[in-house]
């Protein structure tokens, strides 16, 4: 089984696959009578049709080492995962190589970080590392197929750095 070492999630490392969502640095604007910092427009939402919707996902926690046997992508829309706790989660992505996933990469978020996968990005399933695995998800709501899955002939093992 090929081993993948999960690295800390950074905006630079994740840039080919989407956006890192986090409230870091100085806010773009101070609002609400000076009591709130706004970090504005952090994700490039992209839908071929349909509309943006907000859903809640409650996923079972997983543990490292993690067996990766499948990735998926959504050709008709981006998909953002925003944790509703300050617990890290595992993020797995893979470059597209002629319509198939290439060598996967794995990241562990810092508490409070979320991600937005670009439309068509190969990624692992939602993988919280702690309970509760509660997430707000912003993605495409609409008719038609928007899910492709690829199962690996040989699974990968994702381990901590």
N, C-alpha and C. Protein backbone atom coordinates (compact mmCIF):
# COMPACT_ATOMS: atom_id res chain seq x y z
N UNK A 1 0.85 -1.17 0.00
CA UNK A 1 0.00 0.00 0.00
C UNK A 1 0.90 1.23 0.00
N UNK A 2 0.66 2.15 -0.93
CA UNK A 2 1.43 3.39 -1.00
C UNK A 2 1.02 4.31 0.13
N UNK A 3 2.00 4.91 0.77
CA UNK A 3 1.75 5.78 1.92
C UNK A 3 1.78 7.24 1.48
N UNK A 4 0.83 8.02 1.98
CA UNK A 4 0.75 9.46 1.74
C UNK A 4 0.87 10.14 3.10
N UNK A 5 1.79 11.08 3.23
CA UNK A 5 1.96 11.82 4.48
C UNK A 5 1.11 13.09 4.40
N UNK A 6 0.22 13.25 5.37
CA UNK A 6 -0.65 14.41 5.41
C UNK A 6 0.11 15.62 5.96
N UNK A 7 0.19 16.67 5.16
CA UNK A 7 0.89 17.90 5.53
C UNK A 7 -0.11 18.91 6.10
N UNK A 8 0.37 19.89 6.85
CA UNK A 8 -0.53 20.97 7.28
C UNK A 8 -1.10 21.70 6.05
N UNK A 9 -2.36 22.06 6.12
CA UNK A 9 -3.02 22.77 5.02
C UNK A 9 -2.55 24.21 4.95
N UNK A 10 -2.06 24.62 3.77
CA UNK A 10 -1.70 26.01 3.54
C UNK A 10 -2.36 26.46 2.24
N UNK A 11 -2.61 27.75 2.14
CA UNK A 11 -3.24 28.31 0.94
C UNK A 11 -2.37 28.05 -0.29
N UNK A 12 -1.06 28.18 -0.15
CA UNK A 12 -0.17 28.00 -1.30
C UNK A 12 -0.19 26.55 -1.80
N UNK A 13 -0.11 25.59 -0.90
CA UNK A 13 -0.09 24.18 -1.31
C UNK A 13 -1.43 23.74 -1.89
N UNK A 14 -2.52 24.33 -1.41
CA UNK A 14 -3.86 23.93 -1.85
C UNK A 14 -4.34 24.71 -3.08
N UNK A 15 -3.65 25.77 -3.46
CA UNK A 15 -4.11 26.66 -4.54
C UNK A 15 -4.48 25.95 -5.85
N UNK A 16 -3.77 24.92 -6.30
CA UNK A 16 -4.18 24.27 -7.55
C UNK A 16 -5.55 23.59 -7.48
N UNK A 17 -6.06 23.35 -6.26
CA UNK A 17 -7.29 22.59 -6.07
C UNK A 17 -8.47 23.44 -5.61
N UNK A 18 -8.19 24.64 -5.08
CA UNK A 18 -9.28 25.47 -4.58
C UNK A 18 -8.78 26.51 -3.59
N UNK A 19 -9.67 26.88 -2.68
CA UNK A 19 -9.42 27.96 -1.73
C UNK A 19 -9.38 27.43 -0.30
N UNK A 20 -8.47 27.97 0.50
CA UNK A 20 -8.49 27.73 1.95
C UNK A 20 -9.31 28.85 2.57
N UNK A 21 -10.28 28.46 3.39
CA UNK A 21 -11.16 29.42 4.04
C UNK A 21 -10.73 29.56 5.49
N UNK A 22 -10.28 30.75 5.86
CA UNK A 22 -9.86 30.98 7.24
C UNK A 22 -9.87 32.47 7.54
N UNK A 23 -10.07 32.76 8.81
CA UNK A 23 -10.03 34.15 9.28
C UNK A 23 -8.64 34.39 9.85
N UNK A 24 -7.71 34.77 8.98
CA UNK A 24 -6.35 35.03 9.44
C UNK A 24 -5.92 36.41 8.97
N UNK A 25 -4.98 36.98 9.69
CA UNK A 25 -4.53 38.32 9.36
C UNK A 25 -5.59 39.34 9.72
N UNK A 26 -5.43 40.52 9.18
CA UNK A 26 -6.39 41.60 9.44
C UNK A 26 -7.64 41.41 8.59
N UNK A 27 -8.83 41.63 9.15
CA UNK A 27 -10.05 41.52 8.36
C UNK A 27 -10.09 42.57 7.25
N UNK A 28 -10.87 42.29 6.22
CA UNK A 28 -11.03 43.24 5.12
C UNK A 28 -11.80 44.48 5.54
N UNK A 29 -12.69 44.30 6.51
CA UNK A 29 -13.53 45.41 6.93
C UNK A 29 -14.00 45.14 8.36
N UNK A 30 -14.15 46.21 9.14
CA UNK A 30 -14.72 46.11 10.48
C UNK A 30 -16.18 46.56 10.37
N UNK A 31 -17.10 45.73 10.86
CA UNK A 31 -18.53 45.99 10.74
C UNK A 31 -19.22 45.82 12.10
N UNK A 32 -20.53 45.95 12.11
CA UNK A 32 -21.36 45.74 13.31
C UNK A 32 -20.88 46.57 14.50
N UNK A 33 -20.88 47.86 14.30
CA UNK A 33 -20.50 48.81 15.34
C UNK A 33 -19.09 48.56 15.87
N UNK A 34 -18.20 48.13 14.97
CA UNK A 34 -16.81 47.91 15.33
C UNK A 34 -16.54 46.62 16.08
N UNK A 35 -17.52 45.73 16.15
CA UNK A 35 -17.39 44.52 16.94
C UNK A 35 -17.14 43.25 16.13
N UNK A 36 -17.00 43.38 14.81
CA UNK A 36 -16.88 42.20 13.96
C UNK A 36 -15.94 42.47 12.78
N UNK A 37 -15.01 41.56 12.58
CA UNK A 37 -14.15 41.65 11.41
C UNK A 37 -14.69 40.78 10.29
N UNK A 38 -14.81 41.35 9.10
CA UNK A 38 -15.32 40.61 7.95
C UNK A 38 -14.15 40.21 7.05
N UNK A 39 -14.03 38.91 6.80
CA UNK A 39 -13.07 38.35 5.86
C UNK A 39 -13.90 38.04 4.62
N UNK A 40 -13.79 38.89 3.63
CA UNK A 40 -14.75 38.98 2.53
C UNK A 40 -14.41 38.07 1.35
N UNK A 41 -15.43 37.40 0.82
CA UNK A 41 -15.38 36.70 -0.47
C UNK A 41 -14.18 35.75 -0.57
N UNK A 42 -14.12 34.75 0.32
CA UNK A 42 -12.97 33.86 0.43
C UNK A 42 -12.97 32.70 -0.55
N UNK A 43 -14.12 32.42 -1.20
CA UNK A 43 -14.20 31.24 -2.06
C UNK A 43 -14.73 31.62 -3.44
N UNK A 44 -14.11 31.03 -4.46
CA UNK A 44 -14.59 31.21 -5.82
C UNK A 44 -15.66 30.18 -6.14
N UNK A 45 -16.92 30.49 -5.85
CA UNK A 45 -18.01 29.57 -6.15
C UNK A 45 -18.21 29.54 -7.66
N UNK A 46 -18.38 28.34 -8.21
CA UNK A 46 -18.43 28.18 -9.66
C UNK A 46 -19.41 27.05 -10.00
N UNK A 47 -20.51 27.41 -10.65
CA UNK A 47 -21.54 26.44 -11.02
C UNK A 47 -21.87 26.59 -12.49
N UNK A 48 -21.94 25.45 -13.20
CA UNK A 48 -22.29 25.50 -14.62
C UNK A 48 -23.77 25.80 -14.82
N UNK A 49 -24.59 25.41 -13.86
CA UNK A 49 -26.02 25.67 -13.87
C UNK A 49 -26.54 25.48 -12.45
N UNK A 50 -27.81 25.50 -12.25
CA UNK A 50 -28.34 25.34 -10.91
C UNK A 50 -28.13 26.59 -10.08
N UNK A 51 -28.03 26.40 -8.78
CA UNK A 51 -27.87 27.52 -7.86
C UNK A 51 -27.02 27.08 -6.68
N UNK A 52 -26.53 28.05 -5.91
CA UNK A 52 -25.78 27.74 -4.69
C UNK A 52 -26.76 27.39 -3.59
N UNK A 53 -26.42 26.38 -2.84
CA UNK A 53 -27.22 25.98 -1.68
C UNK A 53 -26.32 25.75 -0.49
N UNK A 54 -26.90 25.88 0.70
CA UNK A 54 -26.18 25.61 1.94
C UNK A 54 -26.82 24.39 2.59
N UNK A 55 -26.02 23.38 2.85
CA UNK A 55 -26.47 22.16 3.52
C UNK A 55 -25.63 21.94 4.76
N UNK A 56 -26.11 21.11 5.66
CA UNK A 56 -25.34 20.69 6.82
C UNK A 56 -25.01 19.21 6.66
N UNK A 57 -23.76 18.85 6.87
CA UNK A 57 -23.32 17.45 6.82
C UNK A 57 -22.86 17.08 8.22
N UNK A 58 -23.26 15.90 8.68
CA UNK A 58 -22.78 15.37 9.96
C UNK A 58 -22.11 14.04 9.67
N UNK A 59 -20.78 14.04 9.61
CA UNK A 59 -19.99 12.89 9.20
C UNK A 59 -19.35 12.20 10.41
N UNK A 60 -19.24 10.89 10.32
CA UNK A 60 -18.56 10.13 11.36
C UNK A 60 -17.07 10.44 11.33
N UNK A 61 -16.44 10.58 12.52
CA UNK A 61 -15.01 10.83 12.54
C UNK A 61 -14.22 9.61 12.07
N UNK A 62 -13.07 9.87 11.47
CA UNK A 62 -12.14 8.83 11.03
C UNK A 62 -10.83 9.05 11.78
N UNK A 63 -9.90 8.16 11.58
CA UNK A 63 -8.63 8.24 12.30
C UNK A 63 -7.48 7.98 11.35
N UNK A 64 -6.32 8.56 11.70
CA UNK A 64 -5.09 8.27 10.97
C UNK A 64 -4.40 7.09 11.64
N UNK A 65 -3.80 6.18 10.92
CA UNK A 65 -3.76 6.15 9.46
C UNK A 65 -5.14 5.88 8.87
N UNK A 66 -5.36 6.46 7.69
CA UNK A 66 -6.65 6.40 7.01
C UNK A 66 -6.47 5.66 5.68
N UNK A 67 -7.36 4.75 5.39
CA UNK A 67 -7.33 4.00 4.14
C UNK A 67 -8.10 4.77 3.08
N UNK A 68 -7.40 5.20 2.04
CA UNK A 68 -8.01 5.95 0.93
C UNK A 68 -8.20 4.99 -0.24
N UNK A 69 -9.44 4.69 -0.55
CA UNK A 69 -9.70 3.77 -1.66
C UNK A 69 -10.53 4.39 -2.77
N UNK A 70 -10.97 5.64 -2.58
CA UNK A 70 -11.83 6.28 -3.57
C UNK A 70 -11.70 7.79 -3.49
N UNK A 71 -11.81 8.45 -4.64
CA UNK A 71 -11.95 9.90 -4.71
C UNK A 71 -13.13 10.20 -5.62
N UNK A 72 -13.61 11.43 -5.50
CA UNK A 72 -14.76 11.86 -6.30
C UNK A 72 -14.51 13.28 -6.80
N UNK A 73 -15.35 13.70 -7.76
CA UNK A 73 -15.34 15.09 -8.19
C UNK A 73 -16.73 15.47 -8.64
N UNK A 74 -16.92 16.79 -8.73
CA UNK A 74 -18.22 17.35 -9.10
C UNK A 74 -18.01 18.25 -10.32
N UNK A 75 -18.31 17.76 -11.53
CA UNK A 75 -18.02 18.51 -12.75
C UNK A 75 -18.89 19.75 -12.96
N UNK A 76 -20.01 19.83 -12.25
CA UNK A 76 -20.92 20.96 -12.48
C UNK A 76 -20.85 22.04 -11.41
N UNK A 77 -19.99 21.88 -10.39
CA UNK A 77 -19.94 22.92 -9.38
C UNK A 77 -18.86 22.75 -8.35
N UNK A 78 -18.44 23.87 -7.79
CA UNK A 78 -17.49 23.87 -6.68
C UNK A 78 -18.20 23.36 -5.43
N UNK A 79 -17.41 23.08 -4.40
CA UNK A 79 -17.99 22.56 -3.16
C UNK A 79 -17.13 23.03 -1.99
N UNK A 80 -17.75 23.78 -1.07
CA UNK A 80 -17.04 24.32 0.09
C UNK A 80 -17.46 23.58 1.35
N UNK A 81 -16.46 23.24 2.18
CA UNK A 81 -16.69 22.58 3.46
C UNK A 81 -16.22 23.50 4.57
N UNK A 82 -17.13 23.91 5.45
CA UNK A 82 -16.83 24.85 6.52
C UNK A 82 -17.15 24.17 7.84
N UNK A 83 -16.12 23.81 8.63
CA UNK A 83 -16.39 23.11 9.89
C UNK A 83 -17.16 24.01 10.85
N UNK A 84 -18.05 23.38 11.60
CA UNK A 84 -18.82 24.12 12.60
C UNK A 84 -18.28 23.89 14.00
N UNK A 85 -17.05 23.36 14.08
CA UNK A 85 -16.31 23.21 15.32
C UNK A 85 -14.88 23.65 15.05
N UNK A 86 -14.08 23.74 16.07
CA UNK A 86 -12.67 24.10 15.89
C UNK A 86 -11.79 22.86 15.93
N UNK A 87 -12.23 21.82 15.26
CA UNK A 87 -11.47 20.58 15.18
C UNK A 87 -10.89 20.43 13.78
N UNK A 88 -9.68 19.89 13.66
CA UNK A 88 -9.09 19.68 12.33
C UNK A 88 -9.80 18.54 11.59
N UNK A 89 -9.66 18.56 10.26
CA UNK A 89 -10.16 17.46 9.44
C UNK A 89 -9.16 17.17 8.34
N UNK A 90 -9.30 16.00 7.74
CA UNK A 90 -8.40 15.54 6.70
C UNK A 90 -8.94 15.97 5.34
N UNK A 91 -8.07 16.54 4.52
CA UNK A 91 -8.42 16.99 3.17
C UNK A 91 -7.53 16.23 2.20
N UNK A 92 -8.15 15.54 1.25
CA UNK A 92 -7.42 14.78 0.25
C UNK A 92 -7.82 15.28 -1.12
N UNK A 93 -6.84 15.55 -1.97
CA UNK A 93 -7.07 16.01 -3.33
C UNK A 93 -6.14 15.25 -4.27
N UNK A 94 -6.47 15.29 -5.56
CA UNK A 94 -5.60 14.68 -6.56
C UNK A 94 -5.69 15.51 -7.84
N UNK A 95 -4.57 15.69 -8.52
CA UNK A 95 -4.62 16.39 -9.80
C UNK A 95 -5.36 15.54 -10.83
N UNK A 96 -5.92 16.19 -11.82
CA UNK A 96 -6.55 15.48 -12.92
C UNK A 96 -5.49 15.13 -13.96
N UNK A 97 -5.43 13.87 -14.33
CA UNK A 97 -4.50 13.40 -15.35
C UNK A 97 -5.33 12.68 -16.41
N UNK A 98 -5.61 13.39 -17.50
CA UNK A 98 -6.39 12.83 -18.61
C UNK A 98 -7.73 12.27 -18.15
N UNK A 99 -8.43 13.03 -17.29
CA UNK A 99 -9.77 12.63 -16.85
C UNK A 99 -9.80 11.65 -15.70
N UNK A 100 -8.64 11.32 -15.14
CA UNK A 100 -8.55 10.40 -14.01
C UNK A 100 -7.74 11.06 -12.90
N UNK A 101 -7.92 10.63 -11.65
CA UNK A 101 -7.12 11.21 -10.57
C UNK A 101 -5.67 10.76 -10.66
N UNK A 102 -4.77 11.72 -10.46
CA UNK A 102 -3.35 11.42 -10.36
C UNK A 102 -2.99 11.07 -8.93
N UNK A 103 -1.72 11.22 -8.58
CA UNK A 103 -1.22 10.90 -7.24
C UNK A 103 -1.90 11.79 -6.20
N UNK A 104 -2.62 11.22 -5.23
CA UNK A 104 -3.28 12.03 -4.20
C UNK A 104 -2.31 12.76 -3.28
N UNK A 105 -2.78 13.88 -2.76
CA UNK A 105 -2.09 14.65 -1.73
C UNK A 105 -3.03 14.74 -0.53
N UNK A 106 -2.48 14.81 0.66
CA UNK A 106 -3.32 14.90 1.86
C UNK A 106 -2.85 16.06 2.73
N UNK A 107 -3.82 16.71 3.36
CA UNK A 107 -3.56 17.83 4.25
C UNK A 107 -4.42 17.67 5.50
N UNK A 108 -3.93 18.20 6.60
CA UNK A 108 -4.73 18.30 7.82
C UNK A 108 -4.94 19.78 8.08
N UNK A 109 -6.19 20.17 8.26
CA UNK A 109 -6.51 21.57 8.51
C UNK A 109 -6.09 21.98 9.91
N UNK A 110 -5.87 23.26 10.08
CA UNK A 110 -5.73 23.83 11.41
C UNK A 110 -7.15 24.08 11.93
N UNK A 111 -7.34 24.12 13.23
CA UNK A 111 -8.68 24.42 13.74
C UNK A 111 -9.21 25.72 13.13
N UNK A 112 -10.44 25.68 12.64
CA UNK A 112 -11.08 26.85 12.06
C UNK A 112 -10.90 27.00 10.56
N UNK A 113 -10.05 26.20 9.93
CA UNK A 113 -9.89 26.29 8.47
C UNK A 113 -10.97 25.46 7.77
N UNK A 114 -11.41 25.96 6.62
CA UNK A 114 -12.29 25.22 5.72
C UNK A 114 -11.67 25.21 4.34
N UNK A 115 -12.32 24.51 3.42
CA UNK A 115 -11.82 24.45 2.05
C UNK A 115 -12.96 24.60 1.06
N UNK A 116 -12.61 25.11 -0.11
CA UNK A 116 -13.52 25.16 -1.24
C UNK A 116 -12.83 24.47 -2.41
N UNK A 117 -13.37 23.31 -2.82
CA UNK A 117 -12.83 22.59 -3.96
C UNK A 117 -13.32 23.24 -5.24
N UNK A 118 -12.42 23.50 -6.16
CA UNK A 118 -12.81 24.00 -7.47
C UNK A 118 -13.68 22.97 -8.20
N UNK A 119 -14.50 23.45 -9.08
CA UNK A 119 -15.31 22.56 -9.91
C UNK A 119 -14.39 21.58 -10.63
N UNK A 120 -14.73 20.29 -10.57
CA UNK A 120 -13.97 19.25 -11.25
C UNK A 120 -12.74 18.76 -10.52
N UNK A 121 -12.51 19.20 -9.28
CA UNK A 121 -11.33 18.76 -8.51
C UNK A 121 -11.59 17.38 -7.90
N UNK A 122 -10.68 16.46 -8.13
CA UNK A 122 -10.74 15.16 -7.47
C UNK A 122 -10.45 15.36 -6.00
N UNK A 123 -11.29 14.77 -5.13
CA UNK A 123 -11.09 14.92 -3.69
C UNK A 123 -11.64 13.71 -2.95
N UNK A 124 -11.11 13.52 -1.74
CA UNK A 124 -11.62 12.47 -0.88
C UNK A 124 -12.95 12.87 -0.27
N UNK A 125 -13.58 11.91 0.38
CA UNK A 125 -14.84 12.19 1.05
C UNK A 125 -14.58 13.02 2.31
N UNK A 126 -15.63 13.60 2.85
CA UNK A 126 -15.51 14.40 4.07
C UNK A 126 -14.96 13.51 5.19
N UNK A 127 -13.84 13.95 5.78
CA UNK A 127 -13.12 13.11 6.74
C UNK A 127 -12.77 13.88 8.00
N UNK A 128 -13.75 14.09 8.89
CA UNK A 128 -13.40 14.72 10.17
C UNK A 128 -12.53 13.77 10.98
N UNK A 129 -11.66 14.35 11.79
CA UNK A 129 -10.79 13.55 12.65
C UNK A 129 -11.26 13.53 14.10
N UNK A 130 -12.32 14.28 14.39
CA UNK A 130 -12.87 14.35 15.75
C UNK A 130 -14.39 14.45 15.66
N UNK A 131 -15.04 14.07 16.71
CA UNK A 131 -16.49 14.20 16.83
C UNK A 131 -16.79 15.55 17.48
N UNK A 132 -17.81 16.28 17.13
CA UNK A 132 -18.75 15.96 16.06
C UNK A 132 -18.22 16.44 14.70
N UNK A 133 -18.49 15.69 13.68
CA UNK A 133 -18.07 16.05 12.33
C UNK A 133 -19.13 16.87 11.63
N UNK A 134 -19.41 18.04 12.17
CA UNK A 134 -20.50 18.88 11.67
C UNK A 134 -19.94 20.00 10.78
N UNK A 135 -20.46 20.09 9.55
CA UNK A 135 -19.96 21.03 8.55
C UNK A 135 -21.12 21.72 7.84
N UNK A 136 -20.92 23.00 7.54
CA UNK A 136 -21.78 23.70 6.57
C UNK A 136 -21.13 23.48 5.21
N UNK A 137 -21.94 23.13 4.22
CA UNK A 137 -21.44 22.85 2.88
C UNK A 137 -22.17 23.77 1.90
N UNK A 138 -21.41 24.47 1.08
CA UNK A 138 -21.98 25.33 0.04
C UNK A 138 -21.62 24.68 -1.29
N UNK A 139 -22.65 24.25 -2.01
CA UNK A 139 -22.40 23.62 -3.30
C UNK A 139 -23.60 23.79 -4.23
N UNK A 140 -23.48 23.20 -5.41
CA UNK A 140 -24.49 23.33 -6.46
C UNK A 140 -25.72 22.49 -6.12
N UNK A 141 -26.86 23.13 -6.26
CA UNK A 141 -28.15 22.45 -6.16
C UNK A 141 -28.78 22.53 -7.54
N UNK A 142 -29.09 21.39 -8.14
CA UNK A 142 -29.68 21.42 -9.48
C UNK A 142 -29.86 20.03 -10.05
N UNK A 143 -30.49 19.97 -11.19
CA UNK A 143 -30.75 18.71 -11.88
C UNK A 143 -29.49 18.19 -12.54
N UNK A 144 -29.50 16.92 -12.85
CA UNK A 144 -28.41 16.32 -13.61
C UNK A 144 -27.32 15.74 -12.75
N UNK A 145 -26.51 14.91 -13.37
CA UNK A 145 -25.42 14.24 -12.67
C UNK A 145 -24.31 15.23 -12.33
N UNK A 146 -23.84 15.18 -11.09
CA UNK A 146 -22.75 16.05 -10.67
C UNK A 146 -21.80 15.29 -9.75
N UNK A 147 -21.66 14.00 -9.98
CA UNK A 147 -20.77 13.20 -9.16
C UNK A 147 -20.10 12.14 -10.01
N UNK A 148 -18.76 12.13 -9.96
CA UNK A 148 -17.96 11.06 -10.57
C UNK A 148 -17.11 10.47 -9.46
N UNK A 149 -17.06 9.14 -9.37
CA UNK A 149 -16.23 8.45 -8.40
C UNK A 149 -15.23 7.56 -9.12
N UNK A 150 -14.04 7.48 -8.55
CA UNK A 150 -13.01 6.55 -9.04
C UNK A 150 -12.50 5.77 -7.83
N UNK A 151 -12.58 4.45 -7.94
CA UNK A 151 -12.06 3.55 -6.91
C UNK A 151 -10.68 3.10 -7.35
N UNK A 152 -9.71 3.19 -6.45
CA UNK A 152 -8.34 2.80 -6.77
C UNK A 152 -8.19 1.28 -6.78
N UNK A 153 -7.40 0.77 -7.70
CA UNK A 153 -7.11 -0.67 -7.74
C UNK A 153 -6.39 -1.09 -6.47
N UNK A 154 -5.49 -0.23 -6.01
CA UNK A 154 -4.79 -0.48 -4.75
C UNK A 154 -4.96 0.75 -3.87
N UNK A 155 -5.48 0.60 -2.65
CA UNK A 155 -5.71 1.76 -1.79
C UNK A 155 -4.40 2.40 -1.32
N UNK A 156 -4.53 3.62 -0.85
CA UNK A 156 -3.42 4.36 -0.26
C UNK A 156 -3.62 4.38 1.26
N UNK A 157 -2.54 4.59 1.97
CA UNK A 157 -2.62 4.79 3.41
C UNK A 157 -2.15 6.20 3.73
N UNK A 158 -3.03 6.99 4.34
CA UNK A 158 -2.71 8.37 4.71
C UNK A 158 -2.29 8.37 6.18
N UNK A 159 -1.09 8.95 6.42
CA UNK A 159 -0.54 8.96 7.78
C UNK A 159 -0.23 10.41 8.19
N UNK A 160 -0.11 10.61 9.49
CA UNK A 160 0.22 11.93 10.02
C UNK A 160 1.67 12.28 9.69
N UNK A 161 1.93 13.59 9.62
CA UNK A 161 3.31 14.04 9.33
C UNK A 161 4.18 13.94 10.56
